Amino acid sequence: MGVEQKLPHAQGEAAKFREMKEGTAEDWAIIGSHFKDFAGGVADRVLDHLRLLKGDYGGFPICRLEHSLQTATRAYRDGRDEQYVVMALLHDIGDTLGSYNHPDVAAAILKPFVREELYWTCLHHGHFQGYYYFHYLGMDRDSREQFRDNPHFDFCAEFCEKYDQAAFDPDYESESLEFFEPMVHRVMARPLASLYKFTEDAA
């Protein structure tokens, strides 16, 4: 399957400029209409990428997808709201492309769609999760202490304690990815804040 088949937004009317400084209002109206359609599919693309974690164990007792599902399930069953549950589901989605900075990747995906404390928790959970194992790898388990004065410190510590570090149980019965898909679609239906949010509003 070629790129054009997988990305139908690449077909159709296109802007005429060769350099952005040559662009006209008509050009950007075309681009804006394509952006709206393409951005509307972000939840499906995120879910497709999350599926890449299936079968990737990395030495852990369960695969990375199951860890994600288990983290989200524990948060859901504890009564957390949908933004929280989606953050829990996607917190490790960066493992495939950002092996050395996976929290940054996941946080960047989530940032337009979730509250500040959820974004901050996703962004910094690597330091907080390290409390449970960094010392076995010759690293500083107290790495999280550099954030002690942040107002979201306890929030992030609780996420790791109650849901993230606890979600490696092979016997735990998680909800399926299909169970969470509607939540992901609802949370990602419209950004709360984005540099490009005006494009959707104006369309």
N, C-alpha and C. Protein backbone atom coordinates (compact mmCIF):
# COMPACT_ATOMS: atom_id res chain seq x y z
N MET A 1 0.85 -1.19 0.00
CA MET A 1 0.00 0.00 0.00
C MET A 1 0.88 1.24 0.00
N GLY A 2 0.65 2.15 -0.91
CA GLY A 2 1.47 3.35 -1.02
C GLY A 2 1.06 4.39 -0.02
N VAL A 3 1.87 5.43 0.10
CA VAL A 3 1.62 6.48 1.05
C VAL A 3 0.30 7.18 0.76
N GLU A 4 0.01 7.42 -0.54
CA GLU A 4 -1.22 8.13 -0.87
C GLU A 4 -2.46 7.33 -0.49
N GLN A 5 -2.37 6.00 -0.53
CA GLN A 5 -3.50 5.19 -0.14
C GLN A 5 -3.72 5.24 1.37
N LYS A 6 -2.62 5.28 2.13
CA LYS A 6 -2.75 5.31 3.57
C LYS A 6 -3.09 6.71 4.08
N LEU A 7 -2.76 7.74 3.32
CA LEU A 7 -2.98 9.10 3.74
C LEU A 7 -3.84 9.83 2.71
N PRO A 8 -5.14 9.60 2.71
CA PRO A 8 -6.00 10.21 1.71
C PRO A 8 -6.00 11.72 1.77
N HIS A 9 -5.61 12.30 2.94
CA HIS A 9 -5.55 13.76 3.03
C HIS A 9 -4.49 14.34 2.11
N ALA A 10 -3.56 13.49 1.60
CA ALA A 10 -2.50 13.97 0.73
C ALA A 10 -3.00 14.19 -0.69
N GLN A 11 -4.18 13.74 -1.01
CA GLN A 11 -4.75 13.88 -2.34
C GLN A 11 -5.65 15.10 -2.42
N GLY A 12 -5.98 15.50 -3.62
CA GLY A 12 -6.91 16.60 -3.80
C GLY A 12 -6.21 17.92 -4.05
N GLU A 13 -6.96 19.00 -3.91
CA GLU A 13 -6.45 20.32 -4.19
C GLU A 13 -5.29 20.66 -3.26
N ALA A 14 -4.27 21.31 -3.80
CA ALA A 14 -3.07 21.63 -3.03
C ALA A 14 -2.69 23.09 -3.22
N ALA A 15 -1.98 23.62 -2.23
CA ALA A 15 -1.45 24.98 -2.33
C ALA A 15 -0.47 25.07 -3.49
N LYS A 16 -0.27 26.28 -4.00
CA LYS A 16 0.55 26.48 -5.20
C LYS A 16 1.98 26.96 -4.89
N PHE A 17 2.24 27.38 -3.66
CA PHE A 17 3.54 28.00 -3.39
C PHE A 17 4.68 26.99 -3.37
N ARG A 18 5.88 27.47 -3.65
CA ARG A 18 7.11 26.69 -3.53
C ARG A 18 7.88 27.06 -2.27
N GLU A 19 7.62 28.24 -1.76
CA GLU A 19 8.15 28.69 -0.47
C GLU A 19 6.99 29.29 0.31
N MET A 20 7.00 29.11 1.62
CA MET A 20 5.90 29.61 2.43
C MET A 20 5.68 31.11 2.25
N LYS A 21 6.75 31.87 2.04
CA LYS A 21 6.59 33.32 1.93
C LYS A 21 5.82 33.72 0.66
N GLU A 22 5.62 32.76 -0.24
CA GLU A 22 4.83 33.02 -1.45
C GLU A 22 3.35 32.70 -1.25
N GLY A 23 3.00 32.15 -0.10
CA GLY A 23 1.64 31.67 0.14
C GLY A 23 0.60 32.77 0.12
N THR A 24 -0.61 32.39 -0.27
CA THR A 24 -1.74 33.31 -0.31
C THR A 24 -2.81 32.83 0.66
N ALA A 25 -3.82 33.66 0.89
CA ALA A 25 -4.94 33.26 1.74
C ALA A 25 -5.64 32.04 1.17
N GLU A 26 -5.73 31.96 -0.16
CA GLU A 26 -6.35 30.81 -0.81
C GLU A 26 -5.56 29.54 -0.53
N ASP A 27 -4.23 29.65 -0.60
CA ASP A 27 -3.37 28.49 -0.30
C ASP A 27 -3.64 27.98 1.12
N TRP A 28 -3.68 28.90 2.07
CA TRP A 28 -3.82 28.50 3.46
C TRP A 28 -5.23 28.04 3.79
N ALA A 29 -6.20 28.47 3.02
CA ALA A 29 -7.55 27.94 3.18
C ALA A 29 -7.59 26.47 2.79
N ILE A 30 -6.87 26.13 1.72
CA ILE A 30 -6.78 24.73 1.29
C ILE A 30 -6.08 23.90 2.36
N ILE A 31 -4.95 24.39 2.84
CA ILE A 31 -4.19 23.66 3.85
C ILE A 31 -5.00 23.51 5.14
N GLY A 32 -5.71 24.58 5.50
CA GLY A 32 -6.52 24.53 6.71
C GLY A 32 -7.62 23.49 6.64
N SER A 33 -8.23 23.35 5.46
CA SER A 33 -9.29 22.35 5.31
C SER A 33 -8.74 20.94 5.41
N HIS A 34 -7.53 20.72 4.87
CA HIS A 34 -6.89 19.41 5.00
C HIS A 34 -6.51 19.13 6.45
N PHE A 35 -6.02 20.16 7.14
CA PHE A 35 -5.59 19.99 8.52
C PHE A 35 -6.75 19.54 9.40
N LYS A 36 -7.90 20.16 9.22
CA LYS A 36 -9.05 19.82 10.06
C LYS A 36 -9.40 18.34 9.92
N ASP A 37 -9.44 17.84 8.69
CA ASP A 37 -9.77 16.43 8.47
C ASP A 37 -8.70 15.52 9.05
N PHE A 38 -7.44 15.86 8.81
CA PHE A 38 -6.34 15.01 9.28
C PHE A 38 -6.25 15.01 10.81
N ALA A 39 -6.36 16.18 11.41
CA ALA A 39 -6.27 16.28 12.87
C ALA A 39 -7.39 15.50 13.53
N GLY A 40 -8.53 15.40 12.86
CA GLY A 40 -9.65 14.66 13.42
C GLY A 40 -9.38 13.18 13.58
N GLY A 41 -8.35 12.67 12.92
CA GLY A 41 -8.01 11.26 13.02
C GLY A 41 -6.89 10.96 14.00
N VAL A 42 -6.51 11.94 14.82
CA VAL A 42 -5.36 11.74 15.70
C VAL A 42 -5.58 10.60 16.69
N ALA A 43 -6.80 10.46 17.21
CA ALA A 43 -7.06 9.40 18.19
C ALA A 43 -6.83 8.02 17.59
N ASP A 44 -7.28 7.82 16.36
CA ASP A 44 -7.06 6.53 15.70
C ASP A 44 -5.58 6.26 15.48
N ARG A 45 -4.82 7.29 15.09
CA ARG A 45 -3.39 7.08 14.87
C ARG A 45 -2.67 6.77 16.19
N VAL A 46 -3.09 7.43 17.25
CA VAL A 46 -2.50 7.15 18.57
C VAL A 46 -2.80 5.72 18.99
N LEU A 47 -4.02 5.29 18.81
CA LEU A 47 -4.39 3.91 19.17
C LEU A 47 -3.63 2.89 18.33
N ASP A 48 -3.45 3.18 17.05
CA ASP A 48 -2.67 2.28 16.19
C ASP A 48 -1.24 2.16 16.69
N HIS A 49 -0.67 3.28 17.12
CA HIS A 49 0.71 3.24 17.62
C HIS A 49 0.78 2.51 18.95
N LEU A 50 -0.23 2.68 19.79
CA LEU A 50 -0.24 1.97 21.07
C LEU A 50 -0.22 0.46 20.85
N ARG A 51 -0.88 0.00 19.80
CA ARG A 51 -0.92 -1.44 19.51
C ARG A 51 0.48 -2.00 19.20
N LEU A 52 1.41 -1.15 18.82
CA LEU A 52 2.78 -1.61 18.56
C LEU A 52 3.46 -2.14 19.82
N LEU A 53 2.91 -1.80 20.99
CA LEU A 53 3.49 -2.26 22.25
C LEU A 53 3.12 -3.71 22.57
N LYS A 54 2.16 -4.26 21.82
CA LYS A 54 1.73 -5.63 22.08
C LYS A 54 2.86 -6.61 21.78
N GLY A 55 3.12 -7.52 22.71
CA GLY A 55 4.15 -8.54 22.54
C GLY A 55 5.55 -8.06 22.84
N ASP A 56 5.72 -6.79 23.20
CA ASP A 56 7.03 -6.23 23.54
C ASP A 56 7.21 -6.31 25.05
N TYR A 57 7.96 -7.32 25.49
CA TYR A 57 8.12 -7.56 26.93
C TYR A 57 9.31 -6.82 27.53
N GLY A 58 10.43 -6.79 26.84
CA GLY A 58 11.60 -6.12 27.36
C GLY A 58 12.07 -6.68 28.70
N GLY A 59 11.77 -7.96 28.97
CA GLY A 59 12.15 -8.58 30.23
C GLY A 59 11.12 -8.43 31.34
N PHE A 60 10.09 -7.65 31.12
CA PHE A 60 9.06 -7.46 32.14
C PHE A 60 8.12 -8.67 32.19
N PRO A 61 7.37 -8.84 33.29
CA PRO A 61 6.46 -9.99 33.42
C PRO A 61 5.30 -9.96 32.43
N ILE A 62 4.95 -8.79 31.94
CA ILE A 62 3.88 -8.64 30.96
C ILE A 62 4.36 -7.71 29.85
N CYS A 63 3.70 -7.75 28.70
CA CYS A 63 4.14 -6.89 27.59
C CYS A 63 3.75 -5.44 27.87
N ARG A 64 4.33 -4.54 27.11
CA ARG A 64 4.13 -3.11 27.35
C ARG A 64 2.68 -2.68 27.11
N LEU A 65 2.02 -3.32 26.16
CA LEU A 65 0.61 -2.98 25.95
C LEU A 65 -0.22 -3.40 27.15
N GLU A 66 0.02 -4.60 27.65
CA GLU A 66 -0.74 -5.06 28.82
C GLU A 66 -0.46 -4.17 30.03
N HIS A 67 0.79 -3.71 30.18
CA HIS A 67 1.10 -2.78 31.27
C HIS A 67 0.28 -1.50 31.12
N SER A 68 0.17 -1.01 29.90
CA SER A 68 -0.61 0.20 29.65
C SER A 68 -2.08 -0.02 29.97
N LEU A 69 -2.62 -1.15 29.53
CA LEU A 69 -4.02 -1.47 29.80
C LEU A 69 -4.25 -1.65 31.30
N GLN A 70 -3.31 -2.30 31.95
CA GLN A 70 -3.47 -2.56 33.39
C GLN A 70 -3.40 -1.25 34.18
N THR A 71 -2.49 -0.37 33.79
CA THR A 71 -2.40 0.93 34.47
C THR A 71 -3.70 1.70 34.32
N ALA A 72 -4.22 1.74 33.09
CA ALA A 72 -5.46 2.46 32.83
C ALA A 72 -6.65 1.80 33.53
N THR A 73 -6.68 0.48 33.54
CA THR A 73 -7.79 -0.23 34.19
C THR A 73 -7.81 0.04 35.68
N ARG A 74 -6.65 0.02 36.30
CA ARG A 74 -6.59 0.29 37.74
C ARG A 74 -7.08 1.71 38.03
N ALA A 75 -6.67 2.67 37.20
CA ALA A 75 -7.13 4.04 37.39
C ALA A 75 -8.64 4.16 37.17
N TYR A 76 -9.15 3.49 36.13
CA TYR A 76 -10.58 3.52 35.83
C TYR A 76 -11.40 2.92 36.98
N ARG A 77 -10.96 1.77 37.45
CA ARG A 77 -11.70 1.09 38.53
C ARG A 77 -11.60 1.83 39.85
N ASP A 78 -10.65 2.74 39.93
CA ASP A 78 -10.51 3.56 41.13
C ASP A 78 -11.31 4.85 41.03
N GLY A 79 -12.07 5.00 39.93
CA GLY A 79 -12.96 6.15 39.79
C GLY A 79 -12.34 7.39 39.19
N ARG A 80 -11.17 7.26 38.56
CA ARG A 80 -10.54 8.43 37.95
C ARG A 80 -11.31 8.87 36.71
N ASP A 81 -11.23 10.16 36.38
CA ASP A 81 -11.97 10.68 35.23
C ASP A 81 -11.28 10.28 33.92
N GLU A 82 -11.95 10.58 32.80
CA GLU A 82 -11.48 10.08 31.51
C GLU A 82 -10.12 10.65 31.11
N GLN A 83 -9.87 11.92 31.37
CA GLN A 83 -8.54 12.46 31.05
C GLN A 83 -7.45 11.70 31.81
N TYR A 84 -7.69 11.43 33.05
CA TYR A 84 -6.72 10.69 33.87
C TYR A 84 -6.51 9.29 33.30
N VAL A 85 -7.59 8.61 32.99
CA VAL A 85 -7.51 7.24 32.49
C VAL A 85 -6.77 7.20 31.15
N VAL A 86 -7.03 8.15 30.28
CA VAL A 86 -6.34 8.19 28.99
C VAL A 86 -4.86 8.47 29.19
N MET A 87 -4.53 9.36 30.11
CA MET A 87 -3.11 9.57 30.42
C MET A 87 -2.47 8.28 30.90
N ALA A 88 -3.16 7.56 31.78
CA ALA A 88 -2.64 6.28 32.28
C ALA A 88 -2.45 5.28 31.15
N LEU A 89 -3.37 5.27 30.21
CA LEU A 89 -3.28 4.36 29.08
C LEU A 89 -2.10 4.68 28.18
N LEU A 90 -1.83 5.96 27.97
CA LEU A 90 -0.84 6.38 26.98
C LEU A 90 0.51 6.75 27.57
N HIS A 91 0.68 6.64 28.88
CA HIS A 91 1.89 7.18 29.51
C HIS A 91 3.18 6.56 28.99
N ASP A 92 3.13 5.34 28.48
CA ASP A 92 4.34 4.68 27.97
C ASP A 92 4.32 4.50 26.45
N ILE A 93 3.45 5.21 25.76
CA ILE A 93 3.35 5.03 24.31
C ILE A 93 4.64 5.42 23.60
N GLY A 94 5.48 6.22 24.25
CA GLY A 94 6.74 6.63 23.65
C GLY A 94 7.83 5.59 23.67
N ASP A 95 7.57 4.42 24.26
CA ASP A 95 8.62 3.40 24.39
C ASP A 95 9.22 3.00 23.05
N THR A 96 8.42 2.96 21.97
CA THR A 96 8.94 2.48 20.69
C THR A 96 9.81 3.52 20.00
N LEU A 97 9.44 4.79 20.05
CA LEU A 97 10.16 5.83 19.32
C LEU A 97 11.09 6.64 20.22
N GLY A 98 10.84 6.63 21.52
CA GLY A 98 11.65 7.42 22.44
C GLY A 98 12.20 6.56 23.55
N SER A 99 12.99 5.58 23.20
CA SER A 99 13.50 4.63 24.20
C SER A 99 14.30 5.33 25.30
N TYR A 100 14.91 6.47 24.99
CA TYR A 100 15.71 7.17 25.98
C TYR A 100 14.95 8.34 26.62
N ASN A 101 13.75 8.63 26.13
CA ASN A 101 12.97 9.74 26.70
C ASN A 101 11.47 9.52 26.50
N HIS A 102 11.02 8.29 26.77
CA HIS A 102 9.62 7.97 26.45
C HIS A 102 8.60 8.86 27.16
N PRO A 103 8.85 9.35 28.38
CA PRO A 103 7.84 10.22 28.99
C PRO A 103 7.62 11.51 28.20
N ASP A 104 8.71 12.03 27.61
CA ASP A 104 8.58 13.27 26.83
C ASP A 104 7.69 13.06 25.62
N VAL A 105 7.83 11.90 24.97
CA VAL A 105 7.05 11.60 23.77
C VAL A 105 5.56 11.51 24.13
N ALA A 106 5.26 10.73 25.16
CA ALA A 106 3.86 10.56 25.57
C ALA A 106 3.26 11.89 26.02
N ALA A 107 4.02 12.65 26.77
CA ALA A 107 3.50 13.94 27.28
C ALA A 107 3.22 14.90 26.13
N ALA A 108 4.06 14.90 25.11
CA ALA A 108 3.85 15.78 23.96
C ALA A 108 2.55 15.43 23.24
N ILE A 109 2.24 14.14 23.14
CA ILE A 109 1.00 13.71 22.50
C ILE A 109 -0.21 14.16 23.32
N LEU A 110 -0.10 14.04 24.63
CA LEU A 110 -1.23 14.32 25.52
C LEU A 110 -1.44 15.80 25.82
N LYS A 111 -0.40 16.59 25.70
CA LYS A 111 -0.42 17.98 26.18
C LYS A 111 -1.64 18.78 25.72
N PRO A 112 -2.05 18.72 24.45
CA PRO A 112 -3.19 19.56 24.04
C PRO A 112 -4.53 19.13 24.63
N PHE A 113 -4.60 17.93 25.20
CA PHE A 113 -5.89 17.33 25.51
C PHE A 113 -6.18 17.12 27.00
N VAL A 114 -5.20 17.34 27.86
CA VAL A 114 -5.40 17.03 29.28
C VAL A 114 -5.02 18.20 30.17
N ARG A 115 -5.47 18.15 31.41
CA ARG A 115 -5.16 19.18 32.39
C ARG A 115 -3.67 19.22 32.70
N GLU A 116 -3.23 20.35 33.23
CA GLU A 116 -1.82 20.57 33.49
C GLU A 116 -1.21 19.50 34.39
N GLU A 117 -1.91 19.11 35.46
CA GLU A 117 -1.32 18.13 36.38
C GLU A 117 -1.16 16.77 35.73
N LEU A 118 -2.02 16.44 34.77
CA LEU A 118 -1.90 15.17 34.05
C LEU A 118 -0.75 15.22 33.05
N TYR A 119 -0.62 16.33 32.36
CA TYR A 119 0.52 16.51 31.46
C TYR A 119 1.83 16.43 32.24
N TRP A 120 1.88 17.15 33.38
CA TRP A 120 3.11 17.18 34.18
C TRP A 120 3.45 15.78 34.70
N THR A 121 2.44 15.06 35.13
CA THR A 121 2.65 13.70 35.64
C THR A 121 3.20 12.79 34.55
N CYS A 122 2.63 12.87 33.37
CA CYS A 122 3.13 12.04 32.27
C CYS A 122 4.56 12.43 31.93
N LEU A 123 4.84 13.71 31.88
CA LEU A 123 6.16 14.19 31.50
C LEU A 123 7.24 13.75 32.48
N HIS A 124 6.91 13.68 33.76
CA HIS A 124 7.92 13.42 34.79
C HIS A 124 7.81 12.04 35.43
N HIS A 125 6.90 11.19 34.96
CA HIS A 125 6.70 9.92 35.66
C HIS A 125 7.93 9.03 35.62
N GLY A 126 8.81 9.22 34.65
CA GLY A 126 10.03 8.41 34.61
C GLY A 126 10.88 8.60 35.85
N HIS A 127 11.02 9.85 36.30
CA HIS A 127 11.78 10.13 37.52
C HIS A 127 11.09 9.51 38.74
N PHE A 128 9.79 9.61 38.80
CA PHE A 128 9.04 9.11 39.95
C PHE A 128 8.98 7.58 39.97
N GLN A 129 8.85 7.00 38.80
CA GLN A 129 8.85 5.53 38.70
C GLN A 129 10.22 4.97 39.08
N GLY A 130 11.26 5.76 38.82
CA GLY A 130 12.62 5.32 39.15
C GLY A 130 12.84 5.07 40.63
N TYR A 131 12.00 5.65 41.47
CA TYR A 131 12.10 5.41 42.91
C TYR A 131 12.05 3.93 43.24
N TYR A 132 11.38 3.15 42.41
CA TYR A 132 11.18 1.73 42.68
C TYR A 132 12.28 0.82 42.14
N TYR A 133 13.16 1.39 41.27
CA TYR A 133 14.17 0.49 40.70
C TYR A 133 15.51 1.12 40.32
N PHE A 134 15.62 2.44 40.29
CA PHE A 134 16.87 3.06 39.83
C PHE A 134 18.09 2.57 40.62
N HIS A 135 17.92 2.33 41.91
CA HIS A 135 19.05 1.94 42.75
C HIS A 135 19.60 0.57 42.37
N TYR A 136 18.80 -0.26 41.71
CA TYR A 136 19.29 -1.56 41.25
C TYR A 136 20.14 -1.44 39.98
N LEU A 137 20.08 -0.28 39.34
CA LEU A 137 20.80 -0.05 38.10
C LEU A 137 21.92 0.96 38.27
N GLY A 138 22.27 1.25 39.52
CA GLY A 138 23.34 2.21 39.78
C GLY A 138 22.92 3.65 39.55
N MET A 139 21.62 3.90 39.57
CA MET A 139 21.09 5.24 39.37
C MET A 139 20.50 5.77 40.68
N ASP A 140 20.13 7.03 40.68
CA ASP A 140 19.64 7.68 41.88
C ASP A 140 18.14 7.48 42.01
N ARG A 141 17.71 6.66 42.96
CA ARG A 141 16.28 6.41 43.14
C ARG A 141 15.54 7.65 43.61
N ASP A 142 16.27 8.62 44.15
CA ASP A 142 15.64 9.85 44.62
C ASP A 142 15.66 10.96 43.57
N SER A 143 15.78 10.57 42.32
CA SER A 143 15.76 11.55 41.24
C SER A 143 14.53 12.44 41.28
N ARG A 144 13.44 11.89 41.75
CA ARG A 144 12.19 12.66 41.81
C ARG A 144 12.27 13.83 42.78
N GLU A 145 13.21 13.78 43.72
CA GLU A 145 13.29 14.82 44.75
C GLU A 145 13.59 16.19 44.18
N GLN A 146 14.15 16.25 42.97
CA GLN A 146 14.42 17.55 42.36
C GLN A 146 13.12 18.32 42.08
N PHE A 147 12.00 17.60 42.11
CA PHE A 147 10.70 18.21 41.85
C PHE A 147 9.86 18.37 43.11
N ARG A 148 10.47 18.20 44.27
CA ARG A 148 9.74 18.17 45.53
C ARG A 148 8.88 19.41 45.74
N ASP A 149 9.34 20.56 45.30
CA ASP A 149 8.61 21.80 45.53
C ASP A 149 7.52 22.07 44.49
N ASN A 150 7.40 21.20 43.50
CA ASN A 150 6.37 21.41 42.48
C ASN A 150 5.00 21.06 43.05
N PRO A 151 3.97 21.82 42.74
CA PRO A 151 2.64 21.53 43.29
C PRO A 151 2.05 20.20 42.81
N HIS A 152 2.62 19.62 41.76
CA HIS A 152 2.10 18.35 41.24
C HIS A 152 2.91 17.13 41.73
N PHE A 153 3.85 17.36 42.64
CA PHE A 153 4.71 16.27 43.11
C PHE A 153 3.89 15.10 43.68
N ASP A 154 3.04 15.39 44.62
CA ASP A 154 2.26 14.32 45.27
C ASP A 154 1.31 13.64 44.29
N PHE A 155 0.76 14.41 43.38
CA PHE A 155 -0.14 13.86 42.37
C PHE A 155 0.58 12.82 41.52
N CYS A 156 1.78 13.15 41.07
CA CYS A 156 2.57 12.23 40.25
C CYS A 156 3.03 11.03 41.07
N ALA A 157 3.46 11.27 42.30
CA ALA A 157 3.89 10.16 43.16
C ALA A 157 2.75 9.18 43.39
N GLU A 158 1.56 9.69 43.55
CA GLU A 158 0.40 8.82 43.76
C GLU A 158 0.11 8.00 42.51
N PHE A 159 0.20 8.63 41.33
CA PHE A 159 -0.02 7.89 40.08
C PHE A 159 0.92 6.71 39.97
N CYS A 160 2.19 6.94 40.25
CA CYS A 160 3.17 5.86 40.15
C CYS A 160 2.95 4.79 41.20
N GLU A 161 2.66 5.20 42.42
CA GLU A 161 2.47 4.24 43.51
C GLU A 161 1.22 3.38 43.31
N LYS A 162 0.10 4.01 42.99
CA LYS A 162 -1.16 3.28 42.94
C LYS A 162 -1.40 2.55 41.63
N TYR A 163 -0.88 3.10 40.52
CA TYR A 163 -1.25 2.56 39.22
C TYR A 163 -0.07 2.09 38.37
N ASP A 164 0.97 2.89 38.23
CA ASP A 164 2.06 2.56 37.30
C ASP A 164 2.94 1.43 37.82
N GLN A 165 3.55 1.60 38.97
CA GLN A 165 4.46 0.57 39.48
C GLN A 165 3.73 -0.71 39.86
N ALA A 166 2.42 -0.60 40.09
CA ALA A 166 1.62 -1.76 40.50
C ALA A 166 1.10 -2.57 39.32
N ALA A 167 1.32 -2.11 38.10
CA ALA A 167 0.66 -2.68 36.92
C ALA A 167 1.55 -3.64 36.14
N PHE A 168 2.08 -4.63 36.83
CA PHE A 168 2.90 -5.66 36.18
C PHE A 168 2.47 -7.07 36.60
N ASP A 169 1.21 -7.21 36.92
CA ASP A 169 0.67 -8.46 37.46
C ASP A 169 0.10 -9.33 36.33
N PRO A 170 0.74 -10.46 36.02
CA PRO A 170 0.26 -11.32 34.93
C PRO A 170 -1.14 -11.88 35.18
N ASP A 171 -1.58 -11.89 36.44
CA ASP A 171 -2.87 -12.47 36.78
C ASP A 171 -4.00 -11.44 36.84
N TYR A 172 -3.66 -10.19 36.65
CA TYR A 172 -4.68 -9.13 36.72
C TYR A 172 -5.49 -9.13 35.42
N GLU A 173 -6.81 -9.00 35.54
CA GLU A 173 -7.68 -9.00 34.36
C GLU A 173 -8.01 -7.56 33.96
N SER A 174 -7.27 -7.08 32.99
CA SER A 174 -7.45 -5.71 32.51
C SER A 174 -8.63 -5.62 31.55
N GLU A 175 -9.14 -4.42 31.39
CA GLU A 175 -10.08 -4.16 30.32
C GLU A 175 -9.31 -4.18 28.99
N SER A 176 -10.02 -4.41 27.91
CA SER A 176 -9.39 -4.48 26.59
C SER A 176 -9.11 -3.08 26.06
N LEU A 177 -8.27 -3.01 25.03
CA LEU A 177 -8.03 -1.72 24.39
C LEU A 177 -9.32 -1.17 23.80
N GLU A 178 -10.16 -2.05 23.27
CA GLU A 178 -11.44 -1.61 22.69
C GLU A 178 -12.31 -0.92 23.74
N PHE A 179 -12.19 -1.34 24.98
CA PHE A 179 -12.96 -0.71 26.06
C PHE A 179 -12.58 0.76 26.21
N PHE A 180 -11.28 1.05 26.04
CA PHE A 180 -10.78 2.41 26.25
C PHE A 180 -10.87 3.29 25.01
N GLU A 181 -11.07 2.69 23.85
CA GLU A 181 -11.05 3.47 22.61
C GLU A 181 -12.03 4.65 22.62
N PRO A 182 -13.29 4.46 23.07
CA PRO A 182 -14.20 5.63 23.09
C PRO A 182 -13.69 6.76 23.99
N MET A 183 -13.03 6.43 25.08
CA MET A 183 -12.49 7.45 25.97
C MET A 183 -11.40 8.24 25.26
N VAL A 184 -10.51 7.54 24.55
CA VAL A 184 -9.44 8.21 23.82
C VAL A 184 -10.04 9.15 22.78
N HIS A 185 -11.06 8.69 22.08
CA HIS A 185 -11.71 9.53 21.07
C HIS A 185 -12.35 10.75 21.71
N ARG A 186 -12.99 10.59 22.85
CA ARG A 186 -13.63 11.74 23.49
C ARG A 186 -12.60 12.75 23.99
N VAL A 187 -11.54 12.26 24.62
CA VAL A 187 -10.53 13.16 25.16
C VAL A 187 -9.80 13.90 24.05
N MET A 188 -9.57 13.21 22.93
CA MET A 188 -8.81 13.81 21.83
C MET A 188 -9.70 14.42 20.75
N ALA A 189 -10.97 14.56 21.04
CA ALA A 189 -11.89 15.11 20.04
C ALA A 189 -11.60 16.57 19.74
N ARG A 190 -11.13 17.30 20.73
CA ARG A 190 -10.88 18.73 20.55
C ARG A 190 -9.84 19.18 21.56
N PRO A 191 -8.79 19.86 21.11
CA PRO A 191 -7.74 20.27 22.05
C PRO A 191 -8.22 21.34 23.02
N LEU A 192 -7.73 21.26 24.23
CA LEU A 192 -7.98 22.30 25.23
C LEU A 192 -7.12 23.52 24.94
N ALA A 193 -5.92 23.27 24.45
CA ALA A 193 -4.98 24.34 24.13
C ALA A 193 -4.00 23.83 23.09
N SER A 194 -3.74 24.66 22.08
CA SER A 194 -2.80 24.26 21.04
C SER A 194 -2.40 25.49 20.24
N LEU A 195 -1.17 25.53 19.78
CA LEU A 195 -0.71 26.58 18.89
C LEU A 195 -1.58 26.64 17.65
N TYR A 196 -2.12 25.47 17.22
CA TYR A 196 -2.88 25.38 15.98
C TYR A 196 -4.38 25.28 16.20
N LYS A 197 -4.84 25.49 17.41
CA LYS A 197 -6.26 25.36 17.70
C LYS A 197 -7.09 26.36 16.92
N PHE A 198 -6.54 27.52 16.61
CA PHE A 198 -7.30 28.53 15.89
C PHE A 198 -7.72 28.04 14.52
N THR A 199 -6.93 27.13 13.93
CA THR A 199 -7.24 26.63 12.59
C THR A 199 -8.56 25.88 12.61
N GLU A 200 -8.77 25.07 13.64
CA GLU A 200 -10.02 24.33 13.75
C GLU A 200 -11.18 25.28 14.05
N ASP A 201 -10.95 26.24 14.91
CA ASP A 201 -12.00 27.17 15.29
C ASP A 201 -12.47 28.00 14.08
N ALA A 202 -11.51 28.32 13.21
CA ALA A 202 -11.83 29.17 12.07
C ALA A 202 -12.43 28.39 10.91
N ALA A 203 -12.24 27.06 10.94
CA ALA A 203 -12.68 26.26 9.80
C ALA A 203 -14.19 26.07 9.81
